[in-house]
Amino acid sequence: MNYLPLTETDRQAMLCDIGVQCFEDLVRVIPSALRVKDLNLPGGTSELELARELAELSAQNQPPSRCLSFLGGGYYDHFIPSVIHHILSRSEFYTAYTPYQAEASQGTLQTVFEYQSMIAELTGMDVSNASNYDGASAAAEAVLLALRHTGRKKILCAQTLHPEYRQTIQTYCSGSHFKVVEIPYDSRGGLDKARLSAEIDSDTAGFIAGTPNFFGLAEDFSGIAQQLREAGALFILSVNPLSLGILKSPGEWGADIAVGEGQPLGIPMSYGGPGLGFFAVKRDLIRKIPGRLVGMTQDRNGKRCFALTLQAREQHIRREKAGSNICTNHALLALAASVYLSVMGREGLKKTAEYNVKSAVYLREHIRQIPGFEIVFGGTIFNEFVIRSTQKSSAEILKNLQNKNILGGLELARFYPELANCILVCATETKTKAELDRLVEALRSNQ
């Protein structure tokens, strides 16, 4: 059934009340030089024809379910329990947006409170907000918090942080007096700690790094938090939340702020979004955290209830005092993460993380044995690692794999020109031994 909000009679009645004959009369005052001459829009089509055309367009996409995907680099192919879709499909959740009226939004507020509680526990931090747009915007918001909190102008950023996160941080800081200094990686693919130490000074507001880093390496950040603290700067860690099932949390590393992309927690890859930016801090930063916070309290009858609290959003306080003027929360996706963490539990999260490590390590060791390939960076990995082709270009390798219905990974030269013919390969818990062996054999036949 077509949705036609206005009939011709409705239109004429509206024009009559306005006092004009036609729509053109409303825009006649706009100079012709400013008007679009020809939109060149196609004619109308029926709902049946439109549905057929959209189906044909969507069929051109190739989701991981139709191929063997080893793509990573920020968005990952993980198992999603069916209960998540079931709960998210309930109308009281997918139609809810802004919970300003606490008395009418107790369900939404409670789910957000549960999400905050689990993210705080997962990251080892004291307080979590209600979420941000995605991991990149959460990282940028963390940088802004550090700059506001310290009153300084310089941010140090590890070059091994996700390249798109670094680009977002640069965008947020552009046009201002803030300065972003990138800390290079060493020959092992990890943070150049000597360079970091040299760059920390009285103007440094904070340092942000990723773990696992963009090359898939789980780094050792021992001593960095103390070094930054002595300089009056903040330590920000961007983490893969699933890796926290077995790796040290940001809190254990002494981080002041923990951010990241929540997509591994029960959210499909879709077309690279929407995502879920989680954001957690130590208690002394609670009044500077961007976005919404939900707290638990009691109503006048002594019953448990939930409400927005400690608001630092521009809608609630003076704009110049706001924690952020552009962030919001992805409540539905935060609910998905909450359901995922609840269903998996501590043991399930740990086992899933272990499966990721086992898959990636197995694949790395077998690719290492293929003539014409080498492992670029050794060290501890979670579910990604970097390989280099020594005989063919990475573009040719990936094209040949695609012809075999395999997405072999991500070309790193796109972000790191010095890593020509290098590919970032990812293996998660969704890959069977037979599928891992299929990639190994496909790479061997490529040479």
Protein backbone atom coordinates (compact mmCIF):
# COMPACT_ATOMS: atom_id res chain seq x y z
CA MET A 1 0.00 0.00 0.00
CA ASN A 2 1.50 3.33 -1.06
CA TYR A 3 2.02 6.02 1.54
CA LEU A 4 0.57 9.28 0.19
CA PRO A 5 0.57 11.85 3.01
CA LEU A 6 -1.23 14.57 1.04
CA THR A 7 -3.98 14.43 -1.53
CA GLU A 8 -4.34 17.09 -4.20
CA THR A 9 -7.29 18.50 -2.24
CA ASP A 10 -5.05 18.80 0.82
CA ARG A 11 -2.41 20.66 -1.20
CA GLN A 12 -4.88 23.11 -2.65
CA ALA A 13 -6.38 23.80 0.79
CA MET A 14 -2.91 24.54 2.19
CA LEU A 15 -2.00 26.84 -0.70
CA CYS A 16 -5.32 28.64 -0.32
CA ASP A 17 -4.73 29.26 3.40
CA ILE A 18 -1.22 30.55 2.65
CA GLY A 19 -2.64 32.84 -0.01
CA VAL A 20 -0.85 31.61 -3.13
CA GLN A 21 -1.95 29.82 -6.28
CA CYS A 22 0.84 27.27 -6.56
CA PHE A 23 4.09 26.12 -4.98
CA GLU A 24 6.11 28.20 -7.47
CA ASP A 25 4.63 31.32 -5.90
CA LEU A 26 6.32 30.39 -2.61
CA VAL A 27 9.81 30.28 -4.10
CA ARG A 28 9.47 33.08 -6.63
CA VAL A 29 11.43 35.42 -4.34
CA ILE A 30 14.52 33.21 -4.63
CA PRO A 31 16.83 34.62 -7.37
CA SER A 32 16.96 32.39 -10.42
CA ALA A 33 20.77 32.30 -10.21
CA LEU A 34 20.48 30.38 -6.94
CA ARG A 35 17.96 27.84 -8.18
CA VAL A 36 18.74 24.38 -9.54
CA LYS A 37 17.77 24.45 -13.20
CA ASP A 38 17.24 20.75 -13.78
CA LEU A 39 17.34 17.94 -11.21
CA ASN A 40 17.10 15.34 -13.97
CA LEU A 41 15.09 13.04 -11.73
CA PRO A 42 13.58 9.87 -13.19
CA GLY A 43 9.83 9.46 -13.33
CA GLY A 44 7.82 7.88 -10.58
CA THR A 45 7.64 4.13 -10.16
CA SER A 46 5.36 1.66 -8.46
CA GLU A 47 6.18 0.06 -5.13
CA LEU A 48 6.55 -3.31 -6.84
CA GLU A 49 9.02 -1.91 -9.39
CA LEU A 50 10.95 -0.08 -6.68
CA ALA A 51 11.22 -3.21 -4.53
CA ARG A 52 12.53 -5.16 -7.54
CA GLU A 53 15.15 -2.51 -8.33
CA LEU A 54 16.34 -2.34 -4.71
CA ALA A 55 16.59 -6.14 -4.59
CA GLU A 56 18.78 -6.10 -7.71
CA LEU A 57 21.03 -3.44 -6.21
CA SER A 58 21.37 -5.27 -2.89
CA ALA A 59 22.24 -8.49 -4.71
CA GLN A 60 25.43 -6.80 -5.93
CA ASN A 61 26.68 -6.74 -2.34
CA GLN A 62 28.57 -9.78 -1.09
CA PRO A 63 28.16 -10.29 2.65
CA PRO A 64 30.52 -12.58 4.58
CA SER A 65 27.83 -15.26 4.63
CA ARG A 66 28.32 -15.68 0.87
CA CYS A 67 32.10 -15.76 0.87
CA LEU A 68 35.06 -16.56 3.08
CA SER A 69 36.12 -13.30 4.70
CA PHE A 70 39.39 -12.56 6.46
CA LEU A 71 38.81 -8.81 6.53
CA GLY A 72 39.36 -6.96 9.78
CA GLY A 73 40.81 -3.53 10.39
CA GLY A 74 38.10 -2.28 12.73
CA TYR A 75 34.98 -4.24 11.71
CA TYR A 76 34.87 -7.97 12.29
CA ASP A 77 32.91 -11.07 11.37
CA HIS A 78 31.75 -12.44 14.73
CA PHE A 79 29.01 -14.82 15.79
CA ILE A 80 25.87 -12.99 16.90
CA PRO A 81 23.48 -14.93 19.18
CA SER A 82 19.94 -14.95 17.77
CA VAL A 83 18.49 -13.59 21.01
CA ILE A 84 20.04 -10.18 20.23
CA HIS A 85 17.98 -9.66 17.08
CA HIS A 86 14.88 -10.92 18.87
CA ILE A 87 15.20 -8.38 21.68
CA LEU A 88 16.22 -5.49 19.44
CA SER A 89 13.19 -6.15 17.24
CA ARG A 90 10.78 -5.38 20.06
CA SER A 91 9.01 -2.11 19.28
CA GLU A 92 9.58 -0.60 22.73
CA PHE A 93 13.31 -0.68 22.00
CA TYR A 94 13.72 0.14 18.32
CA THR A 95 11.31 3.08 18.45
CA ALA A 96 12.80 4.66 21.57
CA TYR A 97 15.27 7.51 21.19
CA THR A 98 15.75 10.28 23.72
CA PRO A 99 14.88 9.34 27.33
CA TYR A 100 14.39 12.88 28.65
CA GLN A 101 11.13 12.02 30.40
CA ALA A 102 12.30 9.59 33.04
CA GLU A 103 8.80 8.67 34.16
CA ALA A 104 7.98 7.46 30.64
CA SER A 105 11.35 5.93 29.77
CA GLN A 106 12.22 3.60 32.64
CA GLY A 107 12.83 0.62 30.34
CA THR A 108 15.23 2.50 28.08
CA LEU A 109 16.99 4.13 31.02
CA GLN A 110 17.47 0.79 32.72
CA THR A 111 18.98 -0.82 29.61
CA VAL A 112 21.40 2.10 29.29
CA PHE A 113 22.31 1.84 32.99
CA GLU A 114 23.01 -1.89 32.57
CA TYR A 115 25.13 -1.13 29.49
CA GLN A 116 27.13 1.48 31.40
CA SER A 117 27.69 -0.94 34.27
CA MET A 118 28.98 -3.70 32.00
CA ILE A 119 31.26 -1.41 29.98
CA ALA A 120 32.75 0.01 33.20
CA GLU A 121 33.42 -3.51 34.49
CA LEU A 122 34.77 -4.73 31.15
CA THR A 123 37.22 -1.84 30.78
CA GLY A 124 38.20 -1.67 34.45
CA MET A 125 37.05 1.94 34.69
CA ASP A 126 34.74 3.69 37.14
CA VAL A 127 32.12 5.33 34.91
CA SER A 128 30.79 4.80 31.38
CA ASN A 129 28.60 7.10 29.33
CA ALA A 130 25.55 5.94 27.37
CA SER A 131 27.70 5.47 24.21
CA ASN A 132 28.88 7.54 21.24
CA TYR A 133 28.50 7.27 17.48
CA ASP A 134 31.43 4.91 16.90
CA GLY A 135 34.97 4.12 17.96
CA ALA A 136 36.48 6.97 15.93
CA SER A 137 34.26 9.69 17.39
CA ALA A 138 34.73 8.25 20.89
CA ALA A 139 38.51 8.49 20.43
CA ALA A 140 38.23 12.09 19.24
CA GLU A 141 35.95 12.98 22.15
CA ALA A 142 38.51 11.47 24.54
CA VAL A 143 41.20 13.68 23.05
CA LEU A 144 39.00 16.76 23.50
CA LEU A 145 38.35 15.77 27.11
CA ALA A 146 42.09 15.55 27.77
CA LEU A 147 42.66 18.95 26.19
CA ARG A 148 39.85 20.55 28.22
CA HIS A 149 40.84 18.85 31.46
CA THR A 150 44.50 19.86 31.33
CA GLY A 151 44.14 23.19 29.57
CA ARG A 152 47.04 22.19 27.34
CA LYS A 153 47.41 22.17 23.56
CA LYS A 154 49.28 19.04 22.48
CA ILE A 155 48.05 15.46 22.02
CA LEU A 156 50.36 12.54 21.35
CA CYS A 157 48.89 9.81 19.15
CA ALA A 158 50.39 6.42 18.36
CA GLN A 159 50.78 5.85 14.63
CA THR A 160 49.53 2.32 15.24
CA LEU A 161 46.13 3.64 16.33
CA HIS A 162 43.45 2.91 13.71
CA PRO A 163 44.23 5.27 10.77
CA GLU A 164 40.61 6.41 10.50
CA TYR A 165 40.58 7.20 14.23
CA ARG A 166 43.68 9.33 13.70
CA GLN A 167 42.02 11.09 10.79
CA THR A 168 38.95 11.79 12.91
CA ILE A 169 41.09 13.20 15.72
CA GLN A 170 42.87 15.46 13.22
CA THR A 171 39.50 16.65 11.90
CA TYR A 172 38.21 17.43 15.40
CA CYS A 173 41.37 19.42 16.16
CA SER A 174 41.64 21.20 12.82
CA GLY A 175 41.02 24.92 12.77
CA SER A 176 42.05 25.21 16.41
CA HIS A 177 45.25 25.89 18.32
CA PHE A 178 45.50 22.19 19.28
CA LYS A 179 48.38 20.14 17.94
CA VAL A 180 48.42 16.39 17.26
CA VAL A 181 51.85 14.73 17.22
CA GLU A 182 52.05 11.15 15.95
CA ILE A 183 54.43 8.72 17.65
CA PRO A 184 55.92 6.27 15.10
CA TYR A 185 56.10 2.51 15.49
CA ASP A 186 59.36 0.59 15.82
CA SER A 187 60.69 -2.30 13.72
CA ARG A 188 58.57 -4.75 15.71
CA GLY A 189 55.32 -2.94 14.90
CA GLY A 190 54.89 -1.56 18.40
CA LEU A 191 55.06 1.84 20.02
CA ASP A 192 58.42 3.62 19.87
CA LYS A 193 58.62 4.27 23.60
CA ALA A 194 61.82 6.29 23.38
CA ARG A 195 60.16 8.70 20.94
CA LEU A 196 57.11 8.92 23.21
CA SER A 197 59.28 9.84 26.21
CA ALA A 198 61.03 12.51 24.16
CA GLU A 199 57.73 14.11 23.12
CA ILE A 200 56.13 14.29 26.58
CA ASP A 201 56.48 17.81 27.95
CA SER A 202 54.63 20.46 29.96
CA ASP A 203 52.31 21.17 27.01
CA THR A 204 51.19 17.53 26.59
CA ALA A 205 47.52 16.98 27.40
CA GLY A 206 47.48 13.25 26.80
CA PHE A 207 48.57 10.24 24.80
CA ILE A 208 46.24 7.88 22.89
CA ALA A 209 47.10 4.40 21.63
CA GLY A 210 45.26 1.25 20.57
CA THR A 211 45.41 -2.29 21.88
CA PRO A 212 45.50 -4.53 20.02
CA ASN A 213 47.04 -1.98 17.67
CA PHE A 214 46.15 -1.69 13.99
CA PHE A 215 48.72 -4.36 13.12
CA GLY A 216 46.97 -6.78 15.49
CA LEU A 217 49.64 -6.67 18.19
CA ALA A 218 48.83 -6.67 21.90
CA GLU A 219 51.34 -4.16 23.27
CA ASP A 220 52.98 -3.80 26.67
CA PHE A 221 52.17 -0.37 28.15
CA SER A 222 53.99 -0.87 31.44
CA GLY A 223 55.18 2.40 32.95
CA ILE A 224 53.47 4.67 30.42
CA ALA A 225 50.59 5.67 32.70
CA GLN A 226 53.01 6.67 35.46
CA GLN A 227 55.18 8.62 33.05
CA LEU A 228 52.18 10.56 31.74
CA ARG A 229 50.77 11.12 35.22
CA GLU A 230 54.04 12.64 36.41
CA ALA A 231 53.85 15.04 33.46
CA GLY A 232 50.24 15.96 34.29
CA ALA A 233 48.89 14.29 31.13
CA LEU A 234 46.14 11.70 30.58
CA PHE A 235 46.48 8.18 29.20
CA ILE A 236 43.81 7.14 26.67
CA LEU A 237 43.48 3.56 25.42
CA SER A 238 41.33 2.49 22.47
CA VAL A 239 40.57 -1.22 22.82
CA ASN A 240 38.84 -4.08 21.06
CA PRO A 241 36.24 -4.98 23.71
CA LEU A 242 36.21 -8.68 22.82
CA SER A 243 39.96 -8.90 23.46
CA LEU A 244 39.32 -7.92 27.09
CA GLY A 245 38.11 -11.47 27.65
CA ILE A 246 41.79 -12.43 27.96
CA LEU A 247 43.93 -9.28 27.71
CA LYS A 248 44.59 -6.64 30.37
CA SER A 249 41.90 -3.98 30.64
CA PRO A 250 42.62 -0.24 30.24
CA GLY A 251 42.10 0.09 33.99
CA GLU A 252 44.83 -2.46 34.64
CA TRP A 253 47.19 -0.51 32.37
CA GLY A 254 46.45 2.63 34.40
CA ALA A 255 44.51 4.42 31.66
CA ASP A 256 42.43 7.48 32.54
CA ILE A 257 40.05 7.04 29.60
CA ALA A 258 39.00 3.89 27.72
CA VAL A 259 37.27 4.07 24.34
CA GLY A 260 36.66 1.77 21.42
CA GLU A 261 34.33 0.34 18.82
CA GLY A 262 31.64 -1.94 20.25
CA GLN A 263 30.82 -3.67 16.95
CA PRO A 264 32.40 -6.99 18.07
CA LEU A 265 29.77 -7.17 20.83
CA GLY A 266 26.85 -8.57 18.86
CA ILE A 267 26.56 -5.91 16.15
CA PRO A 268 26.59 -6.90 12.45
CA MET A 269 29.14 -5.42 10.06
CA SER A 270 26.43 -4.11 7.71
CA TYR A 271 28.13 -1.64 5.37
CA GLY A 272 30.70 -0.53 7.92
CA GLY A 273 28.14 0.98 10.27
CA PRO A 274 26.32 2.00 12.28
CA GLY A 275 28.72 1.31 15.09
CA LEU A 276 28.90 1.80 18.82
CA GLY A 277 31.46 4.02 20.48
CA PHE A 278 31.99 3.10 24.12
CA PHE A 279 33.55 5.64 26.47
CA ALA A 280 34.60 5.07 30.08
CA VAL A 281 36.66 7.13 32.52
CA LYS A 282 38.10 7.20 36.02
CA ARG A 283 35.91 8.81 38.67
CA ASP A 284 37.70 12.19 38.75
CA LEU A 285 36.71 12.80 35.11
CA ILE A 286 33.03 12.03 35.57
CA ARG A 287 31.87 15.65 35.18
CA LYS A 288 33.76 16.02 31.90
CA ILE A 289 32.59 12.86 30.18
CA PRO A 290 30.71 13.68 26.95
CA GLY A 291 27.19 12.52 26.24
CA ARG A 292 24.55 11.06 28.51
CA LEU A 293 24.88 9.36 31.88
CA VAL A 294 22.10 7.31 33.46
CA GLY A 295 22.01 6.87 37.22
CA MET A 296 20.00 4.66 39.56
CA THR A 297 18.07 6.29 42.40
CA GLN A 298 14.79 5.98 44.32
CA ASP A 299 11.45 7.61 43.70
CA ARG A 300 9.43 9.27 46.48
CA ASN A 301 7.94 5.89 47.34
CA GLY A 302 11.35 4.35 47.87
CA LYS A 303 11.27 2.23 44.71
CA ARG A 304 14.27 1.80 42.45
CA CYS A 305 14.20 4.03 39.37
CA PHE A 306 16.52 5.48 36.74
CA ALA A 307 17.17 9.00 35.48
CA LEU A 308 19.63 11.02 33.44
CA THR A 309 22.21 12.53 35.76
CA LEU A 310 25.35 14.70 35.87
CA GLN A 311 24.53 16.09 32.45
CA ALA A 312 27.33 17.84 30.59
CA ARG A 313 25.51 18.03 27.25
CA GLU A 314 24.85 21.32 25.53
CA GLN A 315 21.07 20.91 25.95
CA HIS A 316 21.41 21.02 29.72
CA ILE A 317 24.12 23.56 30.50
CA ARG A 318 25.74 26.58 28.92
CA ARG A 319 27.12 25.65 25.52
CA GLU A 320 30.66 26.82 26.29
CA LYS A 321 30.70 24.58 29.37
CA ALA A 322 29.38 21.49 27.59
CA GLY A 323 31.45 18.33 27.40
CA SER A 324 30.54 18.06 23.71
CA ASN A 325 28.19 19.80 21.34
CA ILE A 326 27.90 17.08 18.72
CA CYS A 327 27.89 13.66 20.39
CA THR A 328 24.85 11.48 20.96
CA ASN A 329 24.31 7.87 21.96
CA HIS A 330 23.47 4.78 19.92
CA ALA A 331 21.05 3.33 22.44
CA LEU A 332 19.77 0.44 20.28
CA LEU A 333 23.30 -0.75 19.55
CA ALA A 334 24.26 -0.26 23.17
CA LEU A 335 21.37 -2.58 24.00
CA ALA A 336 22.76 -5.12 21.54
CA ALA A 337 26.12 -4.99 23.32
CA SER A 338 24.37 -5.38 26.68
CA VAL A 339 22.48 -8.45 25.53
CA TYR A 340 25.65 -9.92 24.03
CA LEU A 341 27.64 -9.45 27.23
CA SER A 342 24.78 -10.82 29.33
CA VAL A 343 24.37 -13.91 27.16
CA MET A 344 28.09 -14.63 26.86
CA GLY A 345 28.98 -13.93 30.48
CA ARG A 346 32.55 -13.89 31.79
CA GLU A 347 33.36 -17.43 30.71
CA GLY A 348 31.75 -17.09 27.29
CA LEU A 349 33.64 -13.88 26.57
CA LYS A 350 36.89 -15.51 27.62
CA LYS A 351 36.32 -18.60 25.47
CA THR A 352 35.35 -16.51 22.44
CA ALA A 353 38.49 -14.42 22.85
CA GLU A 354 40.58 -17.59 23.12
CA TYR A 355 39.04 -18.95 19.90
CA ASN A 356 40.07 -15.72 18.16
CA VAL A 357 43.66 -16.09 19.32
CA LYS A 358 43.83 -19.77 18.37
CA SER A 359 42.44 -19.12 14.88
CA ALA A 360 44.79 -16.23 14.19
CA VAL A 361 47.89 -17.97 15.57
CA TYR A 362 47.13 -21.16 13.60
CA LEU A 363 46.69 -19.18 10.39
CA ARG A 364 49.79 -17.06 10.95
CA GLU A 365 52.03 -20.07 11.56
CA HIS A 366 50.80 -21.86 8.44
CA ILE A 367 51.15 -18.80 6.20
CA ARG A 368 54.68 -18.35 7.56
CA GLN A 369 55.58 -21.70 5.93
CA ILE A 370 54.40 -20.68 2.43
CA PRO A 371 57.24 -19.68 0.06
CA GLY A 372 56.78 -16.11 -1.10
CA PHE A 373 55.17 -14.89 2.13
CA GLU A 374 56.59 -13.60 5.38
CA ILE A 375 55.21 -12.44 8.71
CA VAL A 376 56.03 -8.75 9.06
CA PHE A 377 55.64 -8.29 12.81
CA GLY A 378 56.08 -11.01 15.42
CA GLY A 379 54.76 -10.77 18.94
CA THR A 380 51.50 -11.43 20.71
CA ILE A 381 48.37 -11.10 18.57
CA PHE A 382 44.64 -11.29 19.18
CA ASN A 383 42.89 -11.97 15.87
CA GLU A 384 44.91 -10.04 13.26
CA PHE A 385 48.43 -10.05 11.87
CA VAL A 386 50.41 -8.61 8.95
CA ILE A 387 51.86 -10.65 6.08
CA ARG A 388 53.99 -9.52 3.14
CA SER A 389 54.07 -11.00 -0.35
CA THR A 390 57.66 -11.15 -1.62
CA GLN A 391 56.87 -12.35 -5.15
CA LYS A 392 53.61 -10.69 -6.23
CA SER A 393 51.84 -7.45 -5.43
CA SER A 394 49.29 -7.50 -2.62
CA ALA A 395 46.65 -6.20 -5.05
CA GLU A 396 47.21 -9.19 -7.33
CA ILE A 397 47.14 -11.59 -4.40
CA LEU A 398 43.83 -10.22 -3.13
CA LYS A 399 42.32 -10.17 -6.62
CA ASN A 400 43.19 -13.82 -7.16
CA LEU A 401 41.68 -14.70 -3.79
CA GLN A 402 38.52 -12.78 -4.61
CA ASN A 403 38.17 -14.82 -7.80
CA LYS A 404 38.06 -17.84 -5.48
CA ASN A 405 35.35 -16.18 -3.36
CA ILE A 406 37.78 -15.32 -0.59
CA LEU A 407 38.26 -11.85 0.91
CA GLY A 408 41.89 -12.20 1.88
CA GLY A 409 42.40 -9.10 4.00
CA LEU A 410 43.17 -5.39 3.90
CA GLU A 411 45.96 -3.76 1.88
CA LEU A 412 48.02 -1.76 4.36
CA ALA A 413 49.70 0.50 1.78
CA ARG A 414 46.41 2.39 1.70
CA PHE A 415 47.22 3.71 5.18
CA TYR A 416 50.95 3.01 5.50
CA PRO A 417 52.78 3.62 2.19
CA GLU A 418 55.96 2.13 3.65
CA LEU A 419 54.19 -1.23 4.02
CA ALA A 420 53.90 -2.00 0.32
CA ASN A 421 52.60 -5.48 -0.53
CA CYS A 422 51.54 -6.01 3.07
CA ILE A 423 48.12 -7.39 3.99
CA LEU A 424 46.32 -7.28 7.33
CA VAL A 425 44.69 -10.69 7.80
CA CYS A 426 41.99 -11.41 10.38
CA ALA A 427 40.68 -14.74 11.72
CA THR A 428 37.88 -14.81 14.29
CA GLU A 429 35.93 -17.51 16.11
CA THR A 430 33.68 -17.92 13.06
CA LYS A 431 36.42 -19.62 11.02
CA THR A 432 36.73 -23.40 11.05
CA LYS A 433 40.02 -25.24 10.59
CA ALA A 434 38.90 -26.24 7.11
CA GLU A 435 38.29 -22.59 6.20
CA LEU A 436 41.66 -21.52 7.58
CA ASP A 437 43.31 -24.29 5.55
CA ARG A 438 41.40 -23.14 2.47
CA LEU A 439 43.02 -19.71 2.69
CA VAL A 440 46.45 -21.26 3.22
CA GLU A 441 46.06 -23.43 0.12
CA ALA A 442 44.73 -20.52 -1.91
CA LEU A 443 47.78 -18.44 -0.94
CA ARG A 444 50.12 -21.29 -1.76
CA SER A 445 48.61 -21.69 -5.22
CA ASN A 446 48.99 -17.93 -5.76
CA GLN A 447 52.77 -18.20 -5.87
